[in-house]
Amino acid sequence: MKQVELSTRRFQRYLDSPDSIRNEEVAKFRKEWMQRALDLIPDALLQRFSDDVKRVFQEVFASYVRAMKQAILEYILKSPDERKRLHILMLPQARVASSLRHARTGGYSITRYPGTHQRKLEAESQLKLGLIISNIVTSSLQSWW
């Protein structure tokens, strides 16, 4: 088995183990965060779907704890000595997709990509022309002329 796979398995084992990083060691989910989310939901929906809301918050809490544990473990693994001690020598790096990279930098901005607006207008006009030509009603009307 490759070193990356072994390291990844060990990383997951430390992440999933209740003994490695205990839930008590993770910063608590703040009540203000939960209250802000609840304020966005109308009261009628909260009363009607109270069980679903509880399940969603349990899932949010579980995801939060897992993400915090992962952040703690990644911080610990920045030290070469800790990597050796935990036998996690290398981990695969997450690759950011181009769509996420563009979204993080503000999408397709006109200042970063000059001429984008003109290309968008040209694409729209080509699509409109294609829709007019391929429309069955329009094509039958054109055959009458």
N, C-alpha and C. Protein backbone atom coordinates (compact mmCIF):
# COMPACT_ATOMS: atom_id res chain seq x y z
N MET A 1 0.85 -1.18 0.00
CA MET A 1 0.00 0.00 0.00
C MET A 1 0.90 1.24 0.00
N LYS A 2 0.47 2.24 -0.73
CA LYS A 2 1.27 3.46 -0.84
C LYS A 2 1.22 4.27 0.45
N GLN A 3 2.26 5.07 0.61
CA GLN A 3 2.37 5.89 1.82
C GLN A 3 1.21 6.88 1.94
N VAL A 4 0.74 7.41 0.81
CA VAL A 4 -0.37 8.36 0.85
C VAL A 4 -1.64 7.68 1.36
N GLU A 5 -1.89 6.46 0.88
CA GLU A 5 -3.08 5.74 1.33
C GLU A 5 -3.00 5.40 2.81
N LEU A 6 -1.83 4.96 3.28
CA LEU A 6 -1.66 4.68 4.70
C LEU A 6 -1.86 5.94 5.54
N SER A 7 -1.29 7.03 5.09
CA SER A 7 -1.43 8.28 5.82
C SER A 7 -2.88 8.75 5.84
N THR A 8 -3.55 8.58 4.71
CA THR A 8 -4.97 8.99 4.65
C THR A 8 -5.82 8.15 5.58
N ARG A 9 -5.56 6.85 5.62
CA ARG A 9 -6.32 5.98 6.53
C ARG A 9 -6.06 6.34 8.00
N ARG A 10 -4.81 6.60 8.31
CA ARG A 10 -4.49 6.99 9.69
C ARG A 10 -5.16 8.32 10.04
N PHE A 11 -5.13 9.24 9.11
CA PHE A 11 -5.77 10.54 9.32
C PHE A 11 -7.26 10.34 9.61
N GLN A 12 -7.93 9.52 8.80
CA GLN A 12 -9.36 9.26 9.00
C GLN A 12 -9.60 8.56 10.34
N ARG A 13 -8.70 7.64 10.69
CA ARG A 13 -8.85 6.93 11.96
C ARG A 13 -8.75 7.89 13.13
N TYR A 14 -7.76 8.80 13.08
CA TYR A 14 -7.64 9.80 14.15
C TYR A 14 -8.85 10.73 14.17
N LEU A 15 -9.38 11.02 13.01
CA LEU A 15 -10.52 11.92 12.91
C LEU A 15 -11.79 11.27 13.47
N ASP A 16 -11.97 9.98 13.20
CA ASP A 16 -13.19 9.29 13.62
C ASP A 16 -13.12 8.73 15.03
N SER A 17 -11.92 8.57 15.56
CA SER A 17 -11.76 7.98 16.88
C SER A 17 -12.21 8.95 17.97
N PRO A 18 -13.06 8.48 18.90
CA PRO A 18 -13.46 9.38 19.99
C PRO A 18 -12.35 9.61 21.01
N ASP A 19 -11.27 8.80 20.94
CA ASP A 19 -10.18 8.93 21.91
C ASP A 19 -9.10 9.91 21.47
N SER A 20 -8.97 10.15 20.16
CA SER A 20 -7.88 11.01 19.70
C SER A 20 -8.16 12.47 20.01
N ILE A 21 -9.25 13.00 19.51
CA ILE A 21 -9.68 14.36 19.85
C ILE A 21 -11.11 14.24 20.36
N ARG A 22 -11.27 14.49 21.64
CA ARG A 22 -12.60 14.33 22.25
C ARG A 22 -13.49 15.53 21.91
N ASN A 23 -14.77 15.29 21.92
CA ASN A 23 -15.73 16.36 21.60
C ASN A 23 -15.63 17.52 22.59
N GLU A 24 -15.23 17.22 23.82
CA GLU A 24 -15.10 18.28 24.82
C GLU A 24 -13.95 19.22 24.50
N GLU A 25 -13.00 18.75 23.71
CA GLU A 25 -11.84 19.57 23.36
C GLU A 25 -12.12 20.52 22.20
N VAL A 26 -13.25 20.33 21.55
CA VAL A 26 -13.62 21.16 20.40
C VAL A 26 -14.41 22.36 20.90
N ALA A 27 -14.15 23.51 20.33
CA ALA A 27 -14.89 24.73 20.71
C ALA A 27 -16.38 24.51 20.45
N LYS A 28 -17.17 24.97 21.38
CA LYS A 28 -18.62 24.77 21.30
C LYS A 28 -19.23 25.60 20.18
N PHE A 29 -20.30 25.06 19.61
CA PHE A 29 -21.09 25.77 18.61
C PHE A 29 -21.82 26.89 19.35
N ARG A 30 -21.65 28.10 18.89
CA ARG A 30 -22.20 29.24 19.61
C ARG A 30 -23.72 29.32 19.44
N LYS A 31 -24.38 29.71 20.52
CA LYS A 31 -25.84 29.82 20.50
C LYS A 31 -26.29 30.93 19.55
N GLU A 32 -25.45 31.98 19.40
CA GLU A 32 -25.83 33.07 18.50
C GLU A 32 -25.92 32.58 17.06
N TRP A 33 -25.04 31.65 16.68
CA TRP A 33 -25.07 31.12 15.32
C TRP A 33 -26.38 30.38 15.08
N MET A 34 -26.77 29.58 16.05
CA MET A 34 -28.02 28.83 15.92
C MET A 34 -29.21 29.79 15.91
N GLN A 35 -29.15 30.80 16.75
CA GLN A 35 -30.26 31.75 16.82
C GLN A 35 -30.41 32.53 15.52
N ARG A 36 -29.29 32.90 14.91
CA ARG A 36 -29.35 33.60 13.62
C ARG A 36 -30.00 32.73 12.55
N ALA A 37 -29.66 31.46 12.55
CA ALA A 37 -30.26 30.55 11.58
C ALA A 37 -31.75 30.39 11.84
N LEU A 38 -32.13 30.28 13.11
CA LEU A 38 -33.55 30.13 13.45
C LEU A 38 -34.34 31.39 13.14
N ASP A 39 -33.70 32.54 13.24
CA ASP A 39 -34.39 33.79 12.94
C ASP A 39 -34.76 33.90 11.46
N LEU A 40 -34.05 33.19 10.61
CA LEU A 40 -34.33 33.23 9.18
C LEU A 40 -35.52 32.35 8.78
N ILE A 41 -35.93 31.47 9.69
CA ILE A 41 -37.04 30.55 9.39
C ILE A 41 -38.32 31.10 10.00
N PRO A 42 -39.39 31.19 9.21
CA PRO A 42 -40.66 31.69 9.77
C PRO A 42 -41.15 30.78 10.89
N ASP A 43 -41.83 31.39 11.87
CA ASP A 43 -42.31 30.64 13.04
C ASP A 43 -43.27 29.52 12.67
N ALA A 44 -44.09 29.76 11.66
CA ALA A 44 -45.05 28.73 11.26
C ALA A 44 -44.33 27.48 10.78
N LEU A 45 -43.25 27.68 10.04
CA LEU A 45 -42.48 26.53 9.56
C LEU A 45 -41.75 25.84 10.70
N LEU A 46 -41.27 26.61 11.66
CA LEU A 46 -40.59 26.01 12.81
C LEU A 46 -41.53 25.12 13.60
N GLN A 47 -42.74 25.57 13.78
CA GLN A 47 -43.71 24.76 14.53
C GLN A 47 -44.15 23.54 13.73
N ARG A 48 -44.32 23.73 12.44
CA ARG A 48 -44.81 22.65 11.59
C ARG A 48 -43.77 21.55 11.38
N PHE A 49 -42.52 21.95 11.25
CA PHE A 49 -41.45 20.99 10.95
C PHE A 49 -40.41 20.97 12.07
N SER A 50 -40.85 20.96 13.31
CA SER A 50 -39.91 21.03 14.44
C SER A 50 -38.98 19.82 14.48
N ASP A 51 -39.49 18.63 14.17
CA ASP A 51 -38.63 17.44 14.18
C ASP A 51 -37.56 17.53 13.10
N ASP A 52 -37.94 18.03 11.93
CA ASP A 52 -36.97 18.17 10.85
C ASP A 52 -35.90 19.21 11.19
N VAL A 53 -36.33 20.29 11.83
CA VAL A 53 -35.38 21.34 12.23
C VAL A 53 -34.38 20.77 13.25
N LYS A 54 -34.87 19.96 14.18
CA LYS A 54 -33.97 19.34 15.16
C LYS A 54 -32.96 18.44 14.48
N ARG A 55 -33.43 17.65 13.50
CA ARG A 55 -32.52 16.75 12.79
C ARG A 55 -31.48 17.52 11.99
N VAL A 56 -31.91 18.62 11.38
CA VAL A 56 -30.97 19.43 10.60
C VAL A 56 -29.91 20.03 11.51
N PHE A 57 -30.32 20.53 12.69
CA PHE A 57 -29.33 21.09 13.61
C PHE A 57 -28.41 20.02 14.17
N GLN A 58 -28.91 18.81 14.40
CA GLN A 58 -28.02 17.73 14.84
C GLN A 58 -26.98 17.43 13.77
N GLU A 59 -27.40 17.46 12.52
CA GLU A 59 -26.46 17.23 11.42
C GLU A 59 -25.45 18.37 11.33
N VAL A 60 -25.92 19.59 11.53
CA VAL A 60 -25.01 20.75 11.51
C VAL A 60 -24.00 20.64 12.64
N PHE A 61 -24.45 20.26 13.84
CA PHE A 61 -23.54 20.12 14.98
C PHE A 61 -22.51 19.04 14.71
N ALA A 62 -22.94 17.91 14.16
CA ALA A 62 -22.01 16.81 13.85
C ALA A 62 -20.99 17.25 12.80
N SER A 63 -21.44 17.96 11.78
CA SER A 63 -20.52 18.45 10.74
C SER A 63 -19.54 19.46 11.32
N TYR A 64 -20.03 20.30 12.22
CA TYR A 64 -19.17 21.30 12.85
C TYR A 64 -18.07 20.62 13.66
N VAL A 65 -18.45 19.63 14.47
CA VAL A 65 -17.46 18.94 15.31
C VAL A 65 -16.43 18.25 14.44
N ARG A 66 -16.88 17.60 13.36
CA ARG A 66 -15.94 16.90 12.47
C ARG A 66 -15.00 17.90 11.80
N ALA A 67 -15.52 19.02 11.34
CA ALA A 67 -14.68 20.03 10.68
C ALA A 67 -13.67 20.62 11.67
N MET A 68 -14.08 20.85 12.90
CA MET A 68 -13.16 21.38 13.90
C MET A 68 -12.07 20.37 14.23
N LYS A 69 -12.45 19.09 14.35
CA LYS A 69 -11.45 18.05 14.60
C LYS A 69 -10.45 17.98 13.44
N GLN A 70 -10.96 18.08 12.23
CA GLN A 70 -10.08 18.05 11.06
C GLN A 70 -9.13 19.25 11.07
N ALA A 71 -9.64 20.41 11.43
CA ALA A 71 -8.78 21.60 11.48
C ALA A 71 -7.71 21.45 12.56
N ILE A 72 -8.07 20.89 13.71
CA ILE A 72 -7.09 20.67 14.78
C ILE A 72 -6.03 19.69 14.33
N LEU A 73 -6.46 18.60 13.70
CA LEU A 73 -5.51 17.58 13.25
C LEU A 73 -4.60 18.13 12.16
N GLU A 74 -5.14 18.90 11.24
CA GLU A 74 -4.30 19.50 10.20
C GLU A 74 -3.29 20.48 10.79
N TYR A 75 -3.71 21.20 11.82
CA TYR A 75 -2.78 22.13 12.48
C TYR A 75 -1.66 21.35 13.18
N ILE A 76 -2.01 20.27 13.85
CA ILE A 76 -1.00 19.44 14.52
C ILE A 76 -0.03 18.87 13.50
N LEU A 77 -0.53 18.48 12.35
CA LEU A 77 0.32 17.85 11.34
C LEU A 77 1.21 18.83 10.60
N LYS A 78 1.11 20.11 10.89
CA LYS A 78 2.03 21.07 10.27
C LYS A 78 3.44 20.88 10.82
N SER A 79 3.54 20.30 12.00
CA SER A 79 4.85 20.04 12.60
C SER A 79 5.42 18.74 12.05
N PRO A 80 6.63 18.76 11.50
CA PRO A 80 7.23 17.52 11.00
C PRO A 80 7.42 16.46 12.09
N ASP A 81 7.71 16.89 13.31
CA ASP A 81 7.88 15.93 14.41
C ASP A 81 6.58 15.22 14.72
N GLU A 82 5.48 15.97 14.71
CA GLU A 82 4.17 15.35 14.97
C GLU A 82 3.77 14.40 13.85
N ARG A 83 4.11 14.74 12.62
CA ARG A 83 3.84 13.84 11.50
C ARG A 83 4.54 12.51 11.69
N LYS A 84 5.78 12.57 12.11
CA LYS A 84 6.53 11.34 12.35
C LYS A 84 5.94 10.56 13.52
N ARG A 85 5.59 11.27 14.58
CA ARG A 85 5.04 10.61 15.77
C ARG A 85 3.72 9.91 15.47
N LEU A 86 2.88 10.54 14.67
CA LEU A 86 1.57 9.96 14.33
C LEU A 86 1.63 9.04 13.11
N HIS A 87 2.79 8.95 12.49
CA HIS A 87 2.99 8.11 11.29
C HIS A 87 2.06 8.55 10.15
N ILE A 88 1.88 9.84 10.05
CA ILE A 88 1.14 10.43 8.93
C ILE A 88 2.14 11.32 8.20
N LEU A 89 2.84 10.72 7.27
CA LEU A 89 3.94 11.44 6.64
C LEU A 89 3.50 12.32 5.48
N MET A 90 2.46 11.91 4.77
CA MET A 90 1.99 12.73 3.66
C MET A 90 0.49 12.55 3.49
N LEU A 91 -0.12 13.60 3.07
CA LEU A 91 -1.56 13.60 2.81
C LEU A 91 -1.82 14.18 1.43
N PRO A 92 -2.82 13.68 0.74
CA PRO A 92 -3.14 14.29 -0.56
C PRO A 92 -3.71 15.69 -0.35
N GLN A 93 -3.28 16.60 -1.18
CA GLN A 93 -3.77 17.97 -1.09
C GLN A 93 -5.05 18.10 -1.91
N ALA A 94 -5.99 18.83 -1.38
CA ALA A 94 -7.24 19.03 -2.09
C ALA A 94 -7.00 19.93 -3.29
N ARG A 95 -7.52 19.54 -4.42
CA ARG A 95 -7.41 20.34 -5.64
C ARG A 95 -8.67 21.17 -5.78
N VAL A 96 -8.48 22.45 -6.01
CA VAL A 96 -9.62 23.34 -6.15
C VAL A 96 -10.04 23.36 -7.62
N ALA A 97 -11.31 23.09 -7.85
CA ALA A 97 -11.84 23.12 -9.21
C ALA A 97 -11.82 24.55 -9.73
N SER A 98 -11.77 24.69 -11.04
CA SER A 98 -11.69 26.03 -11.62
C SER A 98 -12.93 26.85 -11.29
N SER A 99 -14.09 26.20 -11.21
CA SER A 99 -15.31 26.97 -10.90
C SER A 99 -15.23 27.55 -9.49
N LEU A 100 -14.69 26.78 -8.54
CA LEU A 100 -14.54 27.31 -7.18
C LEU A 100 -13.48 28.40 -7.13
N ARG A 101 -12.43 28.22 -7.90
CA ARG A 101 -11.37 29.23 -7.92
C ARG A 101 -11.92 30.55 -8.46
N HIS A 102 -12.73 30.48 -9.52
CA HIS A 102 -13.32 31.70 -10.08
C HIS A 102 -14.32 32.31 -9.10
N ALA A 103 -15.08 31.47 -8.40
CA ALA A 103 -16.05 31.99 -7.44
C ALA A 103 -15.34 32.69 -6.28
N ARG A 104 -14.21 32.16 -5.86
CA ARG A 104 -13.47 32.78 -4.76
C ARG A 104 -12.88 34.12 -5.16
N THR A 105 -12.50 34.26 -6.42
CA THR A 105 -11.91 35.52 -6.86
C THR A 105 -12.95 36.49 -7.37
N GLY A 106 -14.21 36.19 -7.21
CA GLY A 106 -15.26 37.12 -7.59
C GLY A 106 -15.92 36.79 -8.90
N GLY A 107 -15.78 35.57 -9.37
CA GLY A 107 -16.42 35.17 -10.61
C GLY A 107 -15.71 35.76 -11.81
N TYR A 108 -16.41 35.85 -12.89
CA TYR A 108 -15.84 36.39 -14.13
C TYR A 108 -15.99 37.90 -14.11
N SER A 109 -15.01 38.58 -13.60
CA SER A 109 -15.13 40.01 -13.47
C SER A 109 -14.68 40.69 -14.76
N ILE A 110 -15.30 41.80 -15.05
CA ILE A 110 -14.99 42.54 -16.28
C ILE A 110 -13.59 43.12 -16.20
N THR A 111 -13.15 43.48 -14.99
CA THR A 111 -11.80 44.04 -14.87
C THR A 111 -10.73 42.97 -15.07
N ARG A 112 -10.98 41.76 -14.60
CA ARG A 112 -9.99 40.69 -14.77
C ARG A 112 -10.01 40.14 -16.18
N TYR A 113 -11.18 40.08 -16.79
CA TYR A 113 -11.33 39.50 -18.12
C TYR A 113 -11.97 40.54 -19.04
N PRO A 114 -11.18 41.44 -19.61
CA PRO A 114 -11.77 42.46 -20.47
C PRO A 114 -12.39 41.81 -21.71
N GLY A 115 -13.49 42.38 -22.15
CA GLY A 115 -14.19 41.84 -23.31
C GLY A 115 -15.20 40.77 -22.96
N THR A 116 -15.34 40.45 -21.67
CA THR A 116 -16.28 39.41 -21.26
C THR A 116 -17.71 39.81 -21.58
N HIS A 117 -18.03 41.05 -21.34
CA HIS A 117 -19.40 41.51 -21.57
C HIS A 117 -19.76 41.42 -23.06
N GLN A 118 -18.85 41.80 -23.92
CA GLN A 118 -19.11 41.73 -25.36
C GLN A 118 -19.28 40.28 -25.80
N ARG A 119 -18.43 39.38 -25.29
CA ARG A 119 -18.57 37.96 -25.64
C ARG A 119 -19.88 37.40 -25.14
N LYS A 120 -20.34 37.87 -23.98
CA LYS A 120 -21.62 37.42 -23.44
C LYS A 120 -22.76 37.88 -24.35
N LEU A 121 -22.72 39.13 -24.79
CA LEU A 121 -23.76 39.64 -25.68
C LEU A 121 -23.77 38.88 -27.01
N GLU A 122 -22.59 38.58 -27.54
CA GLU A 122 -22.52 37.83 -28.80
C GLU A 122 -23.08 36.42 -28.62
N ALA A 123 -22.77 35.79 -27.49
CA ALA A 123 -23.28 34.44 -27.23
C ALA A 123 -24.80 34.47 -27.10
N GLU A 124 -25.34 35.49 -26.42
CA GLU A 124 -26.79 35.60 -26.30
C GLU A 124 -27.46 35.77 -27.65
N SER A 125 -26.88 36.61 -28.50
CA SER A 125 -27.49 36.82 -29.82
C SER A 125 -27.42 35.53 -30.65
N GLN A 126 -26.32 34.78 -30.55
CA GLN A 126 -26.23 33.51 -31.28
C GLN A 126 -27.26 32.51 -30.77
N LEU A 127 -27.46 32.47 -29.45
CA LEU A 127 -28.47 31.57 -28.89
C LEU A 127 -29.87 31.97 -29.34
N LYS A 128 -30.17 33.26 -29.32
CA LYS A 128 -31.49 33.72 -29.76
C LYS A 128 -31.72 33.36 -31.22
N LEU A 129 -30.71 33.58 -32.05
CA LEU A 129 -30.82 33.24 -33.46
C LEU A 129 -31.04 31.74 -33.64
N GLY A 130 -30.30 30.94 -32.87
CA GLY A 130 -30.47 29.49 -32.95
C GLY A 130 -31.84 29.05 -32.50
N LEU A 131 -32.38 29.69 -31.48
CA LEU A 131 -33.71 29.33 -31.01
C LEU A 131 -34.78 29.72 -32.03
N ILE A 132 -34.59 30.85 -32.69
CA ILE A 132 -35.55 31.28 -33.70
C ILE A 132 -35.53 30.32 -34.88
N ILE A 133 -34.36 29.93 -35.32
CA ILE A 133 -34.25 29.05 -36.49
C ILE A 133 -34.76 27.66 -36.18
N SER A 134 -34.46 27.16 -34.97
CA SER A 134 -34.84 25.78 -34.66
C SER A 134 -36.27 25.67 -34.12
N ASN A 135 -36.95 26.78 -33.90
CA ASN A 135 -38.33 26.74 -33.44
C ASN A 135 -39.22 26.25 -34.58
N ILE A 136 -40.08 25.29 -34.32
CA ILE A 136 -40.90 24.68 -35.36
C ILE A 136 -41.92 25.67 -35.93
N VAL A 137 -42.46 26.52 -35.08
CA VAL A 137 -43.44 27.49 -35.55
C VAL A 137 -42.77 28.52 -36.46
N THR A 138 -41.62 29.01 -36.03
CA THR A 138 -40.90 30.00 -36.82
C THR A 138 -40.46 29.41 -38.15
N SER A 139 -39.96 28.19 -38.12
CA SER A 139 -39.50 27.57 -39.37
C SER A 139 -40.67 27.33 -40.33
N SER A 140 -41.85 26.99 -39.80
CA SER A 140 -43.00 26.80 -40.70
C SER A 140 -43.47 28.14 -41.26
N LEU A 141 -43.39 29.21 -40.47
CA LEU A 141 -43.74 30.54 -40.97
C LEU A 141 -42.76 30.98 -42.03
N GLN A 142 -41.48 30.68 -41.84
CA GLN A 142 -40.48 31.06 -42.83
C GLN A 142 -40.67 30.31 -44.14
N SER A 143 -41.17 29.07 -44.05
CA SER A 143 -41.38 28.31 -45.29
C SER A 143 -42.55 28.90 -46.10
N TRP A 144 -43.46 29.61 -45.47
CA TRP A 144 -44.56 30.24 -46.19
C TRP A 144 -44.10 31.44 -47.00
N TRP A 145 -43.04 32.11 -46.52
CA TRP A 145 -42.57 33.30 -47.20
C TRP A 145 -41.93 32.85 -48.45
